[in-house]
Amino acid sequence: MLKVIVLGPGCHNCLLLERMCYDVAAENNLDMQLEKVTDWRKFADYGIMFTPGLIINGKVVLSGKLPTKNTLTHWMLEAARQLKNSNV
């Protein structure tokens, strides 16, 4: 299962990133657990200084901007592939 964390205070871009993650997971039949972190005091714990931030399976992949849908799809599919290979 992909573990995705979206960090942001609830601004438009943060909400859009969350929606994009759900859309990509649904379109690609990915099993995903998404957590939202909105407490700005916790952002630095993840190494995020600018929002939105995105962490997939413990790896920071984005900070301070929105990815394209194609880029997000690539990240999520690659993370799912790595999970599958590590469980073989």
PDB file of N, CA and C in Angstrom:
ATOM      1  N   MET A   1       0.841  -1.179   0.000  1.00  0.00           N
ATOM      2  CA  MET A   1       0.000   0.000   0.000  1.00  0.00           C
ATOM      3  C   MET A   1       0.884   1.240   0.000  1.00  0.00           C
ATOM      4  N   LEU A   2       0.569   2.159  -0.903  1.00  0.00           N
ATOM      5  CA  LEU A   2       1.284   3.429  -0.930  1.00  0.00           C
ATOM      6  C   LEU A   2       0.899   4.260   0.281  1.00  0.00           C
ATOM      7  N   LYS A   3       1.894   4.855   0.913  1.00  0.00           N
ATOM      8  CA  LYS A   3       1.643   5.768   2.028  1.00  0.00           C
ATOM      9  C   LYS A   3       2.003   7.163   1.558  1.00  0.00           C
ATOM     10  N   VAL A   4       0.989   7.986   1.405  1.00  0.00           N
ATOM     11  CA  VAL A   4       1.156   9.335   0.866  1.00  0.00           C
ATOM     12  C   VAL A   4       0.811  10.342   1.952  1.00  0.00           C
ATOM     13  N   ILE A   5       1.669  11.348   2.095  1.00  0.00           N
ATOM     14  CA  ILE A   5       1.413  12.428   3.039  1.00  0.00           C
ATOM     15  C   ILE A   5       1.413  13.732   2.255  1.00  0.00           C
ATOM     16  N   VAL A   6       0.328  14.486   2.384  1.00  0.00           N
ATOM     17  CA  VAL A   6       0.227  15.821   1.791  1.00  0.00           C
ATOM     18  C   VAL A   6       0.346  16.813   2.938  1.00  0.00           C
ATOM     19  N   LEU A   7       1.311  17.714   2.829  1.00  0.00           N
ATOM     20  CA  LEU A   7       1.530  18.723   3.853  1.00  0.00           C
ATOM     21  C   LEU A   7       1.109  20.081   3.329  1.00  0.00           C
ATOM     22  N   GLY A   8       0.306  20.776   4.106  1.00  0.00           N
ATOM     23  CA  GLY A   8      -0.132  22.113   3.740  1.00  0.00           C
ATOM     24  C   GLY A   8      -1.215  22.597   4.673  1.00  0.00           C
ATOM     25  N   PRO A   9      -1.366  23.912   4.759  1.00  0.00           N
ATOM     26  CA  PRO A   9      -2.315  24.485   5.713  1.00  0.00           C
ATOM     27  C   PRO A   9      -3.772  24.406   5.280  1.00  0.00           C
ATOM     28  N   GLY A  10      -4.025  23.938   4.071  1.00  0.00           N
ATOM     29  CA  GLY A  10      -5.400  23.877   3.577  1.00  0.00           C
ATOM     30  C   GLY A  10      -5.659  24.882   2.475  1.00  0.00           C
ATOM     31  N   CYS A  11      -4.594  25.407   1.900  1.00  0.00           N
ATOM     32  CA  CYS A  11      -4.738  26.374   0.803  1.00  0.00           C
ATOM     33  C   CYS A  11      -5.222  25.662  -0.466  1.00  0.00           C
ATOM     34  N   HIS A  12      -5.533  26.435  -1.472  1.00  0.00           N
ATOM     35  CA  HIS A  12      -6.049  25.896  -2.729  1.00  0.00           C
ATOM     36  C   HIS A  12      -5.108  24.845  -3.326  1.00  0.00           C
ATOM     37  N   ASN A  13      -3.808  25.143  -3.406  1.00  0.00           N
ATOM     38  CA  ASN A  13      -2.866  24.202  -4.012  1.00  0.00           C
ATOM     39  C   ASN A  13      -2.732  22.918  -3.198  1.00  0.00           C
ATOM     40  N   CYS A  14      -2.814  23.038  -1.882  1.00  0.00           N
ATOM     41  CA  CYS A  14      -2.727  21.853  -1.028  1.00  0.00           C
ATOM     42  C   CYS A  14      -3.933  20.942  -1.250  1.00  0.00           C
ATOM     43  N   LEU A  15      -5.093  21.537  -1.329  1.00  0.00           N
ATOM     44  CA  LEU A  15      -6.311  20.761  -1.583  1.00  0.00           C
ATOM     45  C   LEU A  15      -6.284  20.145  -2.977  1.00  0.00           C
ATOM     46  N   LEU A  16      -5.763  20.892  -3.942  1.00  0.00           N
ATOM     47  CA  LEU A  16      -5.663  20.383  -5.308  1.00  0.00           C
ATOM     48  C   LEU A  16      -4.700  19.198  -5.371  1.00  0.00           C
ATOM     49  N   LEU A  17      -3.588  19.274  -4.664  1.00  0.00           N
ATOM     50  CA  LEU A  17      -2.638  18.166  -4.640  1.00  0.00           C
ATOM     51  C   LEU A  17      -3.271  16.921  -4.017  1.00  0.00           C
ATOM     52  N   GLU A  18      -4.004  17.104  -2.947  1.00  0.00           N
ATOM     53  CA  GLU A  18      -4.694  15.976  -2.325  1.00  0.00           C
ATOM     54  C   GLU A  18      -5.654  15.322  -3.323  1.00  0.00           C
ATOM     55  N   ARG A  19      -6.452  16.130  -4.003  1.00  0.00           N
ATOM     56  CA  ARG A  19      -7.409  15.616  -4.992  1.00  0.00           C
ATOM     57  C   ARG A  19      -6.690  14.880  -6.126  1.00  0.00           C
ATOM     58  N   MET A  20      -5.571  15.445  -6.570  1.00  0.00           N
ATOM     59  CA  MET A  20      -4.793  14.810  -7.636  1.00  0.00           C
ATOM     60  C   MET A  20      -4.299  13.427  -7.196  1.00  0.00           C
ATOM     61  N   CYS A  21      -3.861  13.309  -5.953  1.00  0.00           N
ATOM     62  CA  CYS A  21      -3.376  12.016  -5.449  1.00  0.00           C
ATOM     63  C   CYS A  21      -4.495  10.981  -5.479  1.00  0.00           C
ATOM     64  N   TYR A  22      -5.678  11.375  -5.005  1.00  0.00           N
ATOM     65  CA  TYR A  22      -6.815  10.454  -5.045  1.00  0.00           C
ATOM     66  C   TYR A  22      -7.166  10.082  -6.480  1.00  0.00           C
ATOM     67  N   ASP A  23      -7.154  11.041  -7.381  1.00  0.00           N
ATOM     68  CA  ASP A  23      -7.485  10.771  -8.779  1.00  0.00           C
ATOM     69  C   ASP A  23      -6.491   9.801  -9.408  1.00  0.00           C
ATOM     70  N   VAL A  24      -5.197  10.048  -9.212  1.00  0.00           N
ATOM     71  CA  VAL A  24      -4.167   9.181  -9.791  1.00  0.00           C
ATOM     72  C   VAL A  24      -4.281   7.774  -9.216  1.00  0.00           C
ATOM     73  N   ALA A  25      -4.502   7.670  -7.915  1.00  0.00           N
ATOM     74  CA  ALA A  25      -4.642   6.340  -7.300  1.00  0.00           C
ATOM     75  C   ALA A  25      -5.843   5.598  -7.890  1.00  0.00           C
ATOM     76  N   ALA A  26      -6.964   6.285  -8.034  1.00  0.00           N
ATOM     77  CA  ALA A  26      -8.169   5.642  -8.572  1.00  0.00           C
ATOM     78  C   ALA A  26      -7.977   5.244 -10.034  1.00  0.00           C
ATOM     79  N   GLU A  27      -7.399   6.123 -10.820  1.00  0.00           N
ATOM     80  CA  GLU A  27      -7.224   5.865 -12.261  1.00  0.00           C
ATOM     81  C   GLU A  27      -6.244   4.723 -12.529  1.00  0.00           C
ATOM     82  N   ASN A  28      -5.343   4.456 -11.572  1.00  0.00           N
ATOM     83  CA  ASN A  28      -4.320   3.434 -11.779  1.00  0.00           C
ATOM     84  C   ASN A  28      -4.481   2.236 -10.838  1.00  0.00           C
ATOM     85  N   ASN A  29      -5.652   2.150 -10.188  1.00  0.00           N
ATOM     86  CA  ASN A  29      -5.943   1.039  -9.266  1.00  0.00           C
ATOM     87  C   ASN A  29      -4.847   0.846  -8.225  1.00  0.00           C
ATOM     88  N   LEU A  30      -4.403   1.937  -7.634  1.00  0.00           N
ATOM     89  CA  LEU A  30      -3.371   1.879  -6.611  1.00  0.00           C
ATOM     90  C   LEU A  30      -4.015   1.884  -5.232  1.00  0.00           C
ATOM     91  N   ASP A  31      -3.537   1.009  -4.388  1.00  0.00           N
ATOM     92  CA  ASP A  31      -3.985   0.966  -3.002  1.00  0.00           C
ATOM     93  C   ASP A  31      -3.184   2.036  -2.253  1.00  0.00           C
ATOM     94  N   MET A  32      -3.869   3.069  -1.770  1.00  0.00           N
ATOM     95  CA  MET A  32      -3.192   4.216  -1.184  1.00  0.00           C
ATOM     96  C   MET A  32      -3.817   4.607   0.141  1.00  0.00           C
ATOM     97  N   GLN A  33      -2.953   4.937   1.088  1.00  0.00           N
ATOM     98  CA  GLN A  33      -3.375   5.543   2.347  1.00  0.00           C
ATOM     99  C   GLN A  33      -2.846   6.965   2.323  1.00  0.00           C
ATOM    100  N   LEU A  34      -3.743   7.946   2.400  1.00  0.00           N
ATOM    101  CA  LEU A  34      -3.333   9.341   2.348  1.00  0.00           C
ATOM    102  C   LEU A  34      -3.559  10.000   3.705  1.00  0.00           C
ATOM    103  N   GLU A  35      -2.535  10.699   4.154  1.00  0.00           N
ATOM    104  CA  GLU A  35      -2.604  11.451   5.404  1.00  0.00           C
ATOM    105  C   GLU A  35      -2.376  12.920   5.073  1.00  0.00           C
ATOM    106  N   LYS A  36      -3.155  13.783   5.707  1.00  0.00           N
ATOM    107  CA  LYS A  36      -2.968  15.224   5.545  1.00  0.00           C
ATOM    108  C   LYS A  36      -2.347  15.774   6.820  1.00  0.00           C
ATOM    109  N   VAL A  37      -1.317  16.569   6.653  1.00  0.00           N
ATOM    110  CA  VAL A  37      -0.706  17.256   7.786  1.00  0.00           C
ATOM    111  C   VAL A  37      -0.919  18.748   7.558  1.00  0.00           C
ATOM    112  N   THR A  38      -1.711  19.358   8.428  1.00  0.00           N
ATOM    113  CA  THR A  38      -2.028  20.781   8.264  1.00  0.00           C
ATOM    114  C   THR A  38      -1.367  21.651   9.332  1.00  0.00           C
ATOM    115  N   ASP A  39      -0.746  21.044  10.315  1.00  0.00           N
ATOM    116  CA  ASP A  39      -0.089  21.796  11.387  1.00  0.00           C
ATOM    117  C   ASP A  39       1.279  22.265  10.896  1.00  0.00           C
ATOM    118  N   TRP A  40       1.420  23.542  10.652  1.00  0.00           N
ATOM    119  CA  TRP A  40       2.651  24.096  10.089  1.00  0.00           C
ATOM    120  C   TRP A  40       3.862  23.802  10.965  1.00  0.00           C
ATOM    121  N   ARG A  41       3.654  23.572  12.261  1.00  0.00           N
ATOM    122  CA  ARG A  41       4.782  23.273  13.151  1.00  0.00           C
ATOM    123  C   ARG A  41       5.384  21.906  12.854  1.00  0.00           C
ATOM    124  N   LYS A  42       4.646  21.041  12.185  1.00  0.00           N
ATOM    125  CA  LYS A  42       5.140  19.699  11.869  1.00  0.00           C
ATOM    126  C   LYS A  42       5.795  19.616  10.491  1.00  0.00           C
ATOM    127  N   PHE A  43       5.633  20.636   9.668  1.00  0.00           N
ATOM    128  CA  PHE A  43       6.194  20.590   8.314  1.00  0.00           C
ATOM    129  C   PHE A  43       7.705  20.364   8.339  1.00  0.00           C
ATOM    130  N   ALA A  44       8.406  21.090   9.214  1.00  0.00           N
ATOM    131  CA  ALA A  44       9.864  20.983   9.279  1.00  0.00           C
ATOM    132  C   ALA A  44      10.311  19.584   9.700  1.00  0.00           C
ATOM    133  N   ASP A  45       9.481  18.872  10.459  1.00  0.00           N
ATOM    134  CA  ASP A  45       9.821  17.500  10.841  1.00  0.00           C
ATOM    135  C   ASP A  45       9.990  16.615   9.614  1.00  0.00           C
ATOM    136  N   TYR A  46       9.322  16.974   8.553  1.00  0.00           N
ATOM    137  CA  TYR A  46       9.402  16.228   7.292  1.00  0.00           C
ATOM    138  C   TYR A  46      10.392  16.857   6.315  1.00  0.00           C
ATOM    139  N   GLY A  47      11.021  17.966   6.698  1.00  0.00           N
ATOM    140  CA  GLY A  47      11.949  18.654   5.809  1.00  0.00           C
ATOM    141  C   GLY A  47      11.250  19.562   4.811  1.00  0.00           C
ATOM    142  N   ILE A  48      10.010  19.911   5.073  1.00  0.00           N
ATOM    143  CA  ILE A  48       9.230  20.746   4.170  1.00  0.00           C
ATOM    144  C   ILE A  48       9.210  22.179   4.700  1.00  0.00           C
ATOM    145  N   MET A  49       9.689  23.109   3.887  1.00  0.00           N
ATOM    146  CA  MET A  49       9.665  24.520   4.266  1.00  0.00           C
ATOM    147  C   MET A  49       8.605  25.291   3.484  1.00  0.00           C
ATOM    148  N   PHE A  50       8.246  24.784   2.318  1.00  0.00           N
ATOM    149  CA  PHE A  50       7.253  25.434   1.462  1.00  0.00           C
ATOM    150  C   PHE A  50       6.174  24.427   1.107  1.00  0.00           C
ATOM    151  N   THR A  51       4.937  24.881   1.091  1.00  0.00           N
ATOM    152  CA  THR A  51       3.834  23.978   0.781  1.00  0.00           C
ATOM    153  C   THR A  51       3.272  24.304  -0.591  1.00  0.00           C
ATOM    154  N   PRO A  52       2.609  23.350  -1.207  1.00  0.00           N
ATOM    155  CA  PRO A  52       2.325  22.020  -0.681  1.00  0.00           C
ATOM    156  C   PRO A  52       3.571  21.143  -0.684  1.00  0.00           C
ATOM    157  N   GLY A  53       3.555  20.185   0.211  1.00  0.00           N
ATOM    158  CA  GLY A  53       4.607  19.190   0.273  1.00  0.00           C
ATOM    159  C   GLY A  53       4.006  17.816   0.033  1.00  0.00           C
ATOM    160  N   LEU A  54       4.807  16.923  -0.515  1.00  0.00           N
ATOM    161  CA  LEU A  54       4.320  15.578  -0.813  1.00  0.00           C
ATOM    162  C   LEU A  54       5.393  14.560  -0.464  1.00  0.00           C
ATOM    163  N   ILE A  55       4.984  13.572   0.299  1.00  0.00           N
ATOM    164  CA  ILE A  55       5.867  12.477   0.684  1.00  0.00           C
ATOM    165  C   ILE A  55       5.194  11.183   0.256  1.00  0.00           C
ATOM    166  N   ILE A  56       5.937  10.359  -0.463  1.00  0.00           N
ATOM    167  CA  ILE A  56       5.421   9.065  -0.902  1.00  0.00           C
ATOM    168  C   ILE A  56       6.329   7.987  -0.336  1.00  0.00           C
ATOM    169  N   ASN A  57       5.757   7.118   0.482  1.00  0.00           N
ATOM    170  CA  ASN A  57       6.498   6.021   1.118  1.00  0.00           C
ATOM    171  C   ASN A  57       7.759   6.519   1.820  1.00  0.00           C
ATOM    172  N   GLY A  58       7.629   7.628   2.544  1.00  0.00           N
ATOM    173  CA  GLY A  58       8.725   8.144   3.345  1.00  0.00           C
ATOM    174  C   GLY A  58       9.715   9.017   2.607  1.00  0.00           C
ATOM    175  N   LYS A  59       9.521   9.212   1.307  1.00  0.00           N
ATOM    176  CA  LYS A  59      10.455  10.010   0.505  1.00  0.00           C
ATOM    177  C   LYS A  59       9.799  11.332   0.109  1.00  0.00           C
ATOM    178  N   VAL A  60      10.468  12.435   0.432  1.00  0.00           N
ATOM    179  CA  VAL A  60       9.975  13.750   0.015  1.00  0.00           C
ATOM    180  C   VAL A  60      10.178  13.865  -1.486  1.00  0.00           C
ATOM    181  N   VAL A  61       9.082  14.073  -2.211  1.00  0.00           N
ATOM    182  CA  VAL A  61       9.172  14.190  -3.669  1.00  0.00           C
ATOM    183  C   VAL A  61       8.807  15.587  -4.165  1.00  0.00           C
ATOM    184  N   LEU A  62       8.252  16.422  -3.274  1.00  0.00           N
ATOM    185  CA  LEU A  62       7.781  17.724  -3.727  1.00  0.00           C
ATOM    186  C   LEU A  62       7.700  18.701  -2.568  1.00  0.00           C
ATOM    187  N   SER A  63       8.066  19.950  -2.849  1.00  0.00           N
ATOM    188  CA  SER A  63       7.908  21.015  -1.858  1.00  0.00           C
ATOM    189  C   SER A  63       7.752  22.344  -2.587  1.00  0.00           C
ATOM    190  N   GLY A  64       6.661  23.026  -2.282  1.00  0.00           N
ATOM    191  CA  GLY A  64       6.492  24.388  -2.756  1.00  0.00           C
ATOM    192  C   GLY A  64       5.846  24.599  -4.105  1.00  0.00           C
ATOM    193  N   LYS A  65       5.356  23.537  -4.730  1.00  0.00           N
ATOM    194  CA  LYS A  65       4.689  23.703  -6.024  1.00  0.00           C
ATOM    195  C   LYS A  65       3.815  22.493  -6.302  1.00  0.00           C
ATOM    196  N   LEU A  66       3.028  22.591  -7.339  1.00  0.00           N
ATOM    197  CA  LEU A  66       2.196  21.465  -7.771  1.00  0.00           C
ATOM    198  C   LEU A  66       2.903  20.719  -8.896  1.00  0.00           C
ATOM    199  N   PRO A  67       2.834  19.394  -8.873  1.00  0.00           N
ATOM    200  CA  PRO A  67       3.374  18.643 -10.007  1.00  0.00           C
ATOM    201  C   PRO A  67       2.339  18.586 -11.124  1.00  0.00           C
ATOM    202  N   THR A  68       2.788  18.232 -12.303  1.00  0.00           N
ATOM    203  CA  THR A  68       1.820  17.924 -13.356  1.00  0.00           C
ATOM    204  C   THR A  68       1.205  16.574 -12.999  1.00  0.00           C
ATOM    205  N   LYS A  69       0.071  16.298 -13.573  1.00  0.00           N
ATOM    206  CA  LYS A  69      -0.572  15.007 -13.306  1.00  0.00           C
ATOM    207  C   LYS A  69       0.308  13.860 -13.800  1.00  0.00           C
ATOM    208  N   ASN A  70       0.960  14.046 -14.940  1.00  0.00           N
ATOM    209  CA  ASN A  70       1.847  13.007 -15.471  1.00  0.00           C
ATOM    210  C   ASN A  70       3.008  12.729 -14.523  1.00  0.00           C
ATOM    211  N   THR A  71       3.587  13.775 -13.961  1.00  0.00           N
ATOM    212  CA  THR A  71       4.693  13.603 -13.024  1.00  0.00           C
ATOM    213  C   THR A  71       4.223  12.889 -11.763  1.00  0.00           C
ATOM    214  N   LEU A  72       3.089  13.296 -11.232  1.00  0.00           N
ATOM    215  CA  LEU A  72       2.543  12.650 -10.038  1.00  0.00           C
ATOM    216  C   LEU A  72       2.252  11.179 -10.316  1.00  0.00           C
ATOM    217  N   THR A  73       1.688  10.885 -11.468  1.00  0.00           N
ATOM    218  CA  THR A  73       1.408   9.498 -11.851  1.00  0.00           C
ATOM    219  C   THR A  73       2.698   8.689 -11.890  1.00  0.00           C
ATOM    220  N   HIS A  74       3.724   9.254 -12.486  1.00  0.00           N
ATOM    221  CA  HIS A  74       5.024   8.579 -12.564  1.00  0.00           C
ATOM    222  C   HIS A  74       5.556   8.277 -11.165  1.00  0.00           C
ATOM    223  N   TRP A  75       5.538   9.269 -10.270  1.00  0.00           N
ATOM    224  CA  TRP A  75       6.030   9.063  -8.902  1.00  0.00           C
ATOM    225  C   TRP A  75       5.266   7.958  -8.185  1.00  0.00           C
ATOM    226  N   MET A  76       3.953   7.998  -8.304  1.00  0.00           N
ATOM    227  CA  MET A  76       3.135   7.033  -7.577  1.00  0.00           C
ATOM    228  C   MET A  76       3.287   5.622  -8.151  1.00  0.00           C
ATOM    229  N   LEU A  77       3.331   5.504  -9.475  1.00  0.00           N
ATOM    230  CA  LEU A  77       3.518   4.181 -10.087  1.00  0.00           C
ATOM    231  C   LEU A  77       4.898   3.621  -9.769  1.00  0.00           C
ATOM    232  N   GLU A  78       5.913   4.466  -9.780  1.00  0.00           N
ATOM    233  CA  GLU A  78       7.267   4.027  -9.458  1.00  0.00           C
ATOM    234  C   GLU A  78       7.348   3.571  -8.000  1.00  0.00           C
ATOM    235  N   ALA A  79       6.727   4.306  -7.096  1.00  0.00           N
ATOM    236  CA  ALA A  79       6.717   3.920  -5.684  1.00  0.00           C
ATOM    237  C   ALA A  79       5.983   2.589  -5.497  1.00  0.00           C
ATOM    238  N   ALA A  80       4.889   2.401  -6.214  1.00  0.00           N
ATOM    239  CA  ALA A  80       4.146   1.143  -6.136  1.00  0.00           C
ATOM    240  C   ALA A  80       4.990  -0.015  -6.676  1.00  0.00           C
ATOM    241  N   ARG A  81       5.728   0.221  -7.762  1.00  0.00           N
ATOM    242  CA  ARG A  81       6.611  -0.800  -8.335  1.00  0.00           C
ATOM    243  C   ARG A  81       7.706  -1.188  -7.328  1.00  0.00           C
ATOM    244  N   GLN A  82       8.282  -0.174  -6.682  1.00  0.00           N
ATOM    245  CA  GLN A  82       9.335  -0.442  -5.699  1.00  0.00           C
ATOM    246  C   GLN A  82       8.792  -1.251  -4.520  1.00  0.00           C
ATOM    247  N   LEU A  83       7.581  -0.933  -4.085  1.00  0.00           N
ATOM    248  CA  LEU A  83       6.958  -1.703  -3.006  1.00  0.00           C
ATOM    249  C   LEU A  83       6.768  -3.150  -3.423  1.00  0.00           C
ATOM    250  N   LYS A  84       6.255  -3.330  -4.626  1.00  0.00           N
ATOM    251  CA  LYS A  84       5.997  -4.683  -5.108  1.00  0.00           C
ATOM    252  C   LYS A  84       7.283  -5.478  -5.199  1.00  0.00           C
ATOM    253  N   ASN A  85       8.342  -4.856  -5.709  1.00  0.00           N
ATOM    254  CA  ASN A  85       9.638  -5.547  -5.844  1.00  0.00           C
ATOM    255  C   ASN A  85      10.247  -5.868  -4.496  1.00  0.00           C
ATOM    256  N   SER A  86      10.028  -5.031  -3.494  1.00  0.00           N
ATOM    257  CA  SER A  86      10.599  -5.293  -2.169  1.00  0.00           C
ATOM    258  C   SER A  86       9.820  -6.376  -1.412  1.00  0.00           C
ATOM    259  N   ASN A  87       8.604  -6.647  -1.850  1.00  0.00           N
ATOM    260  CA  ASN A  87       7.784  -7.665  -1.195  1.00  0.00           C
ATOM    261  C   ASN A  87       7.877  -9.024  -1.878  1.00  0.00           C
ATOM    262  N   VAL A  88       8.656  -9.107  -2.954  1.00  0.00           N
ATOM    263  CA  VAL A  88       8.763 -10.369  -3.706  1.00  0.00           C
ATOM    264  C   VAL A  88       9.661 -11.335  -3.005  1.00  0.00           C
TER     265      VAL A  88
END
